[in-house]
PDB file of N, CA and C in Angstrom:
ATOM      1  N   MET A   1      -5.339 -12.912 -20.839  1.00  0.00           N
ATOM      2  CA  MET A   1      -6.051 -12.064 -19.909  1.00  0.00           C
ATOM      3  C   MET A   1      -6.330 -10.736 -20.596  1.00  0.00           C
ATOM      4  N   LYS A   2      -7.563 -10.266 -20.485  1.00  0.00           N
ATOM      5  CA  LYS A   2      -7.924  -8.953 -21.003  1.00  0.00           C
ATOM      6  C   LYS A   2      -7.755  -7.933 -19.885  1.00  0.00           C
ATOM      7  N   VAL A   3      -7.064  -6.830 -20.185  1.00  0.00           N
ATOM      8  CA  VAL A   3      -6.765  -5.791 -19.197  1.00  0.00           C
ATOM      9  C   VAL A   3      -7.358  -4.471 -19.669  1.00  0.00           C
ATOM     10  N   THR A   4      -8.081  -3.798 -18.766  1.00  0.00           N
ATOM     11  CA  THR A   4      -8.693  -2.507 -19.076  1.00  0.00           C
ATOM     12  C   THR A   4      -8.192  -1.466 -18.086  1.00  0.00           C
ATOM     13  N   LYS A   5      -7.693  -0.351 -18.609  1.00  0.00           N
ATOM     14  CA  LYS A   5      -7.230   0.740 -17.748  1.00  0.00           C
ATOM     15  C   LYS A   5      -8.431   1.382 -17.062  1.00  0.00           C
ATOM     16  N   LEU A   6      -8.383   1.456 -15.730  1.00  0.00           N
ATOM     17  CA  LEU A   6      -9.460   2.079 -14.968  1.00  0.00           C
ATOM     18  C   LEU A   6      -9.152   3.528 -14.628  1.00  0.00           C
ATOM     19  N   ILE A   7      -7.978   3.759 -14.049  1.00  0.00           N
ATOM     20  CA  ILE A   7      -7.664   5.098 -13.546  1.00  0.00           C
ATOM     21  C   ILE A   7      -6.160   5.297 -13.494  1.00  0.00           C
ATOM     22  N   SER A   8      -5.747   6.508 -13.798  1.00  0.00           N
ATOM     23  CA  SER A   8      -4.344   6.896 -13.702  1.00  0.00           C
ATOM     24  C   SER A   8      -4.315   8.339 -13.244  1.00  0.00           C
ATOM     25  N   ILE A   9      -3.168   8.770 -12.743  1.00  0.00           N
ATOM     26  CA  ILE A   9      -3.100  10.168 -12.305  1.00  0.00           C
ATOM     27  C   ILE A   9      -2.272  11.023 -13.249  1.00  0.00           C
ATOM     28  N   CYS A  10      -1.967  10.476 -14.427  1.00  0.00           N
ATOM     29  CA  CYS A  10      -1.321  11.286 -15.465  1.00  0.00           C
ATOM     30  C   CYS A  10      -1.591  10.656 -16.810  1.00  0.00           C
ATOM     31  N   ASP A  11      -1.240  11.336 -17.873  1.00  0.00           N
ATOM     32  CA  ASP A  11      -1.513  10.859 -19.225  1.00  0.00           C
ATOM     33  C   ASP A  11      -0.329  10.140 -19.855  1.00  0.00           C
ATOM     34  N   LEU A  12       0.767   9.982 -19.125  1.00  0.00           N
ATOM     35  CA  LEU A  12       1.942   9.311 -19.668  1.00  0.00           C
ATOM     36  C   LEU A  12       1.829   7.805 -19.477  1.00  0.00           C
ATOM     37  N   LYS A  13       2.721   7.040 -20.115  1.00  0.00           N
ATOM     38  CA  LYS A  13       2.696   5.581 -19.994  1.00  0.00           C
ATOM     39  C   LYS A  13       3.215   5.100 -18.651  1.00  0.00           C
ATOM     40  N   ASP A  14       4.206   5.739 -18.098  1.00  0.00           N
ATOM     41  CA  ASP A  14       4.885   5.253 -16.902  1.00  0.00           C
ATOM     42  C   ASP A  14       4.385   5.941 -15.642  1.00  0.00           C
ATOM     43  N   CYS A  15       3.082   5.793 -15.368  1.00  0.00           N
ATOM     44  CA  CYS A  15       2.476   6.437 -14.209  1.00  0.00           C
ATOM     45  C   CYS A  15       1.751   5.403 -13.367  1.00  0.00           C
ATOM     46  N   PRO A  16       1.566   5.674 -12.075  1.00  0.00           N
ATOM     47  CA  PRO A  16       0.748   4.784 -11.268  1.00  0.00           C
ATOM     48  C   PRO A  16      -0.647   4.640 -11.889  1.00  0.00           C
ATOM     49  N   THR A  17      -1.076   3.408 -12.075  1.00  0.00           N
ATOM     50  CA  THR A  17      -2.327   3.121 -12.764  1.00  0.00           C
ATOM     51  C   THR A  17      -2.975   1.893 -12.142  1.00  0.00           C
ATOM     52  N   ILE A  18      -4.302   1.855 -12.170  1.00  0.00           N
ATOM     53  CA  ILE A  18      -5.047   0.673 -11.762  1.00  0.00           C
ATOM     54  C   ILE A  18      -5.779   0.145 -12.984  1.00  0.00           C
ATOM     55  N   TYR A  19      -5.665  -1.158 -13.205  1.00  0.00           N
ATOM     56  CA  TYR A  19      -6.310  -1.843 -14.321  1.00  0.00           C
ATOM     57  C   TYR A  19      -7.261  -2.903 -13.780  1.00  0.00           C
ATOM     58  N   ALA A  20      -8.327  -3.196 -14.528  1.00  0.00           N
ATOM     59  CA  ALA A  20      -9.218  -4.311 -14.230  1.00  0.00           C
ATOM     60  C   ALA A  20      -8.923  -5.428 -15.217  1.00  0.00           C
ATOM     61  N   THR A  21      -9.098  -6.671 -14.775  1.00  0.00           N
ATOM     62  CA  THR A  21      -8.908  -7.804 -15.676  1.00  0.00           C
ATOM     63  C   THR A  21     -10.240  -8.522 -15.884  1.00  0.00           C
ATOM     64  N   ASP A  22     -10.285  -9.357 -16.894  1.00  0.00           N
ATOM     65  CA  ASP A  22     -11.483 -10.153 -17.138  1.00  0.00           C
ATOM     66  C   ASP A  22     -11.573 -11.337 -16.171  1.00  0.00           C
ATOM     67  N   ARG A  23     -10.645 -11.418 -15.246  1.00  0.00           N
ATOM     68  CA  ARG A  23     -10.671 -12.453 -14.203  1.00  0.00           C
ATOM     69  C   ARG A  23     -11.333 -11.944 -12.922  1.00  0.00           C
ATOM     70  N   GLY A  24     -11.785 -10.686 -12.941  1.00  0.00           N
ATOM     71  CA  GLY A  24     -12.371 -10.097 -11.746  1.00  0.00           C
ATOM     72  C   GLY A  24     -11.334  -9.637 -10.743  1.00  0.00           C
ATOM     73  N   THR A  25     -10.127  -9.334 -11.230  1.00  0.00           N
ATOM     74  CA  THR A  25      -9.040  -8.877 -10.371  1.00  0.00           C
ATOM     75  C   THR A  25      -8.564  -7.509 -10.835  1.00  0.00           C
ATOM     76  N   LEU A  26      -7.690  -6.899 -10.020  1.00  0.00           N
ATOM     77  CA  LEU A  26      -7.084  -5.619 -10.354  1.00  0.00           C
ATOM     78  C   LEU A  26      -5.583  -5.793 -10.505  1.00  0.00           C
ATOM     79  N   LEU A  27      -4.997  -5.042 -11.411  1.00  0.00           N
ATOM     80  CA  LEU A  27      -3.549  -4.932 -11.548  1.00  0.00           C
ATOM     81  C   LEU A  27      -3.170  -3.514 -11.165  1.00  0.00           C
ATOM     82  N   VAL A  28      -2.075  -3.370 -10.448  1.00  0.00           N
ATOM     83  CA  VAL A  28      -1.624  -2.055 -10.018  1.00  0.00           C
ATOM     84  C   VAL A  28      -0.234  -1.803 -10.573  1.00  0.00           C
ATOM     85  N   GLN A  29      -0.083  -0.689 -11.260  1.00  0.00           N
ATOM     86  CA  GLN A  29       1.216  -0.270 -11.777  1.00  0.00           C
ATOM     87  C   GLN A  29       1.763   0.818 -10.869  1.00  0.00           C
ATOM     88  N   GLY A  30       2.981   0.627 -10.406  1.00  0.00           N
ATOM     89  CA  GLY A  30       3.623   1.607  -9.551  1.00  0.00           C
ATOM     90  C   GLY A  30       5.104   1.314  -9.462  1.00  0.00           C
ATOM     91  N   GLU A  31       5.778   1.972  -8.573  1.00  0.00           N
ATOM     92  CA  GLU A  31       7.216   1.765  -8.394  1.00  0.00           C
ATOM     93  C   GLU A  31       7.467   0.662  -7.377  1.00  0.00           C
ATOM     94  N   THR A  32       8.530  -0.092  -7.573  1.00  0.00           N
ATOM     95  CA  THR A  32       8.930  -1.099  -6.605  1.00  0.00           C
ATOM     96  C   THR A  32       9.812  -0.426  -5.562  1.00  0.00           C
ATOM     97  N   PRO A  33       9.363  -0.355  -4.317  1.00  0.00           N
ATOM     98  CA  PRO A  33      10.163   0.303  -3.287  1.00  0.00           C
ATOM     99  C   PRO A  33      11.351  -0.574  -2.883  1.00  0.00           C
ATOM    100  N   PRO A  34      12.569  -0.035  -2.924  1.00  0.00           N
ATOM    101  CA  PRO A  34      13.745  -0.849  -2.625  1.00  0.00           C
ATOM    102  C   PRO A  34      13.990  -1.059  -1.136  1.00  0.00           C
ATOM    103  N   ASP A  35      13.394  -0.253  -0.293  1.00  0.00           N
ATOM    104  CA  ASP A  35      13.755  -0.257   1.124  1.00  0.00           C
ATOM    105  C   ASP A  35      12.589  -0.600   2.046  1.00  0.00           C
ATOM    106  N   HIS A  36      11.716  -1.508   1.626  1.00  0.00           N
ATOM    107  CA  HIS A  36      10.521  -1.795   2.417  1.00  0.00           C
ATOM    108  C   HIS A  36      10.795  -2.675   3.635  1.00  0.00           C
ATOM    109  N   GLY A  37      11.833  -3.484   3.633  1.00  0.00           N
ATOM    110  CA  GLY A  37      12.187  -4.297   4.786  1.00  0.00           C
ATOM    111  C   GLY A  37      11.252  -5.463   5.063  1.00  0.00           C
ATOM    112  N   LEU A  38      10.371  -5.783   4.131  1.00  0.00           N
ATOM    113  CA  LEU A  38       9.428  -6.882   4.316  1.00  0.00           C
ATOM    114  C   LEU A  38       9.932  -8.160   3.654  1.00  0.00           C
ATOM    115  N   ARG A  39       9.444  -9.283   4.123  1.00  0.00           N
ATOM    116  CA  ARG A  39       9.779 -10.580   3.516  1.00  0.00           C
ATOM    117  C   ARG A  39       8.636 -10.957   2.576  1.00  0.00           C
ATOM    118  N   ILE A  40       8.875 -10.847   1.293  1.00  0.00           N
ATOM    119  CA  ILE A  40       7.857 -11.105   0.285  1.00  0.00           C
ATOM    120  C   ILE A  40       8.222 -12.393  -0.458  1.00  0.00           C
ATOM    121  N   PRO A  41       7.270 -13.323  -0.640  1.00  0.00           N
ATOM    122  CA  PRO A  41       7.569 -14.539  -1.384  1.00  0.00           C
ATOM    123  C   PRO A  41       8.054 -14.217  -2.806  1.00  0.00           C
ATOM    124  N   ALA A  42       8.852 -15.096  -3.363  1.00  0.00           N
ATOM    125  CA  ALA A  42       9.444 -14.864  -4.691  1.00  0.00           C
ATOM    126  C   ALA A  42       8.388 -14.687  -5.784  1.00  0.00           C
ATOM    127  N   HIS A  43       7.217 -15.265  -5.614  1.00  0.00           N
ATOM    128  CA  HIS A  43       6.180 -15.166  -6.653  1.00  0.00           C
ATOM    129  C   HIS A  43       5.300 -13.917  -6.488  1.00  0.00           C
ATOM    130  N   GLU A  44       5.594 -13.075  -5.513  1.00  0.00           N
ATOM    131  CA  GLU A  44       4.846 -11.842  -5.292  1.00  0.00           C
ATOM    132  C   GLU A  44       5.781 -10.641  -5.357  1.00  0.00           C
ATOM    133  N   THR A  45       5.188  -9.457  -5.423  1.00  0.00           N
ATOM    134  CA  THR A  45       5.977  -8.230  -5.404  1.00  0.00           C
ATOM    135  C   THR A  45       5.172  -7.136  -4.709  1.00  0.00           C
ATOM    136  N   LEU A  46       5.820  -6.066  -4.387  1.00  0.00           N
ATOM    137  CA  LEU A  46       5.163  -4.879  -3.848  1.00  0.00           C
ATOM    138  C   LEU A  46       5.281  -3.760  -4.864  1.00  0.00           C
ATOM    139  N   VAL A  47       4.254  -2.937  -4.942  1.00  0.00           N
ATOM    140  CA  VAL A  47       4.348  -1.700  -5.712  1.00  0.00           C
ATOM    141  C   VAL A  47       3.858  -0.572  -4.828  1.00  0.00           C
ATOM    142  N   GLU A  48       4.424   0.572  -5.030  1.00  0.00           N
ATOM    143  CA  GLU A  48       4.048   1.751  -4.255  1.00  0.00           C
ATOM    144  C   GLU A  48       3.290   2.702  -5.166  1.00  0.00           C
ATOM    145  N   ILE A  49       2.103   3.136  -4.711  1.00  0.00           N
ATOM    146  CA  ILE A  49       1.298   4.072  -5.482  1.00  0.00           C
ATOM    147  C   ILE A  49       0.891   5.231  -4.579  1.00  0.00           C
ATOM    148  N   PRO A  50       0.634   6.392  -5.166  1.00  0.00           N
ATOM    149  CA  PRO A  50       0.200   7.522  -4.362  1.00  0.00           C
ATOM    150  C   PRO A  50      -1.235   7.315  -3.852  1.00  0.00           C
ATOM    151  N   VAL A  51      -1.529   7.762  -2.661  1.00  0.00           N
ATOM    152  CA  VAL A  51      -2.876   7.705  -2.117  1.00  0.00           C
ATOM    153  C   VAL A  51      -3.846   8.416  -3.058  1.00  0.00           C
ATOM    154  N   GLU A  52      -3.376   9.434  -3.731  1.00  0.00           N
ATOM    155  CA  GLU A  52      -4.225  10.191  -4.655  1.00  0.00           C
ATOM    156  C   GLU A  52      -4.832   9.295  -5.740  1.00  0.00           C
ATOM    157  N   LEU A  53      -4.134   8.254  -6.159  1.00  0.00           N
ATOM    158  CA  LEU A  53      -4.670   7.329  -7.164  1.00  0.00           C
ATOM    159  C   LEU A  53      -5.920   6.631  -6.625  1.00  0.00           C
ATOM    160  N   ILE A  54      -5.882   6.178  -5.380  1.00  0.00           N
ATOM    161  CA  ILE A  54      -7.040   5.521  -4.766  1.00  0.00           C
ATOM    162  C   ILE A  54      -8.170   6.529  -4.570  1.00  0.00           C
ATOM    163  N   ARG A  55      -7.836   7.735  -4.111  1.00  0.00           N
ATOM    164  CA  ARG A  55      -8.866   8.774  -3.929  1.00  0.00           C
ATOM    165  C   ARG A  55      -9.582   9.069  -5.237  1.00  0.00           C
ATOM    166  N   LYS A  56      -8.812   9.160  -6.319  1.00  0.00           N
ATOM    167  CA  LYS A  56      -9.403   9.450  -7.632  1.00  0.00           C
ATOM    168  C   LYS A  56     -10.290   8.289  -8.081  1.00  0.00           C
ATOM    169  N   ALA A  57      -9.856   7.052  -7.860  1.00  0.00           N
ATOM    170  CA  ALA A  57     -10.657   5.886  -8.231  1.00  0.00           C
ATOM    171  C   ALA A  57     -11.988   5.877  -7.470  1.00  0.00           C
ATOM    172  N   ILE A  58     -11.956   6.211  -6.187  1.00  0.00           N
ATOM    173  CA  ILE A  58     -13.182   6.265  -5.389  1.00  0.00           C
ATOM    174  C   ILE A  58     -14.080   7.405  -5.862  1.00  0.00           C
ATOM    175  N   ALA A  59     -13.490   8.571  -6.085  1.00  0.00           N
ATOM    176  CA  ALA A  59     -14.271   9.731  -6.534  1.00  0.00           C
ATOM    177  C   ALA A  59     -14.929   9.468  -7.892  1.00  0.00           C
ATOM    178  N   ASP A  60     -14.256   8.687  -8.732  1.00  0.00           N
ATOM    179  CA  ASP A  60     -14.799   8.366 -10.060  1.00  0.00           C
ATOM    180  C   ASP A  60     -15.738   7.167 -10.016  1.00  0.00           C
ATOM    181  N   GLY A  61     -15.977   6.593  -8.819  1.00  0.00           N
ATOM    182  CA  GLY A  61     -16.884   5.469  -8.667  1.00  0.00           C
ATOM    183  C   GLY A  61     -16.368   4.159  -9.204  1.00  0.00           C
ATOM    184  N   LEU A  62     -15.037   4.005  -9.266  1.00  0.00           N
ATOM    185  CA  LEU A  62     -14.457   2.794  -9.835  1.00  0.00           C
ATOM    186  C   LEU A  62     -14.230   1.702  -8.806  1.00  0.00           C
ATOM    187  N   VAL A  63     -14.198   2.043  -7.522  1.00  0.00           N
ATOM    188  CA  VAL A  63     -14.032   1.044  -6.471  1.00  0.00           C
ATOM    189  C   VAL A  63     -15.036   1.298  -5.362  1.00  0.00           C
TER     190      VAL A  63
END
């Protein structure tokens, strides 16, 4: 899979980031919230990202 960085809210490696893939999908990098209380299937996960990341992606015309 080819992954392209679309948007991040900082210049470091370990920051919330949105990536595009050559499959026509998005990958989201963020923190795994330990206290969400949801039932998530074993093959899925949740990540938490700041709303500001989505706002920046929209403002930059990426979504």
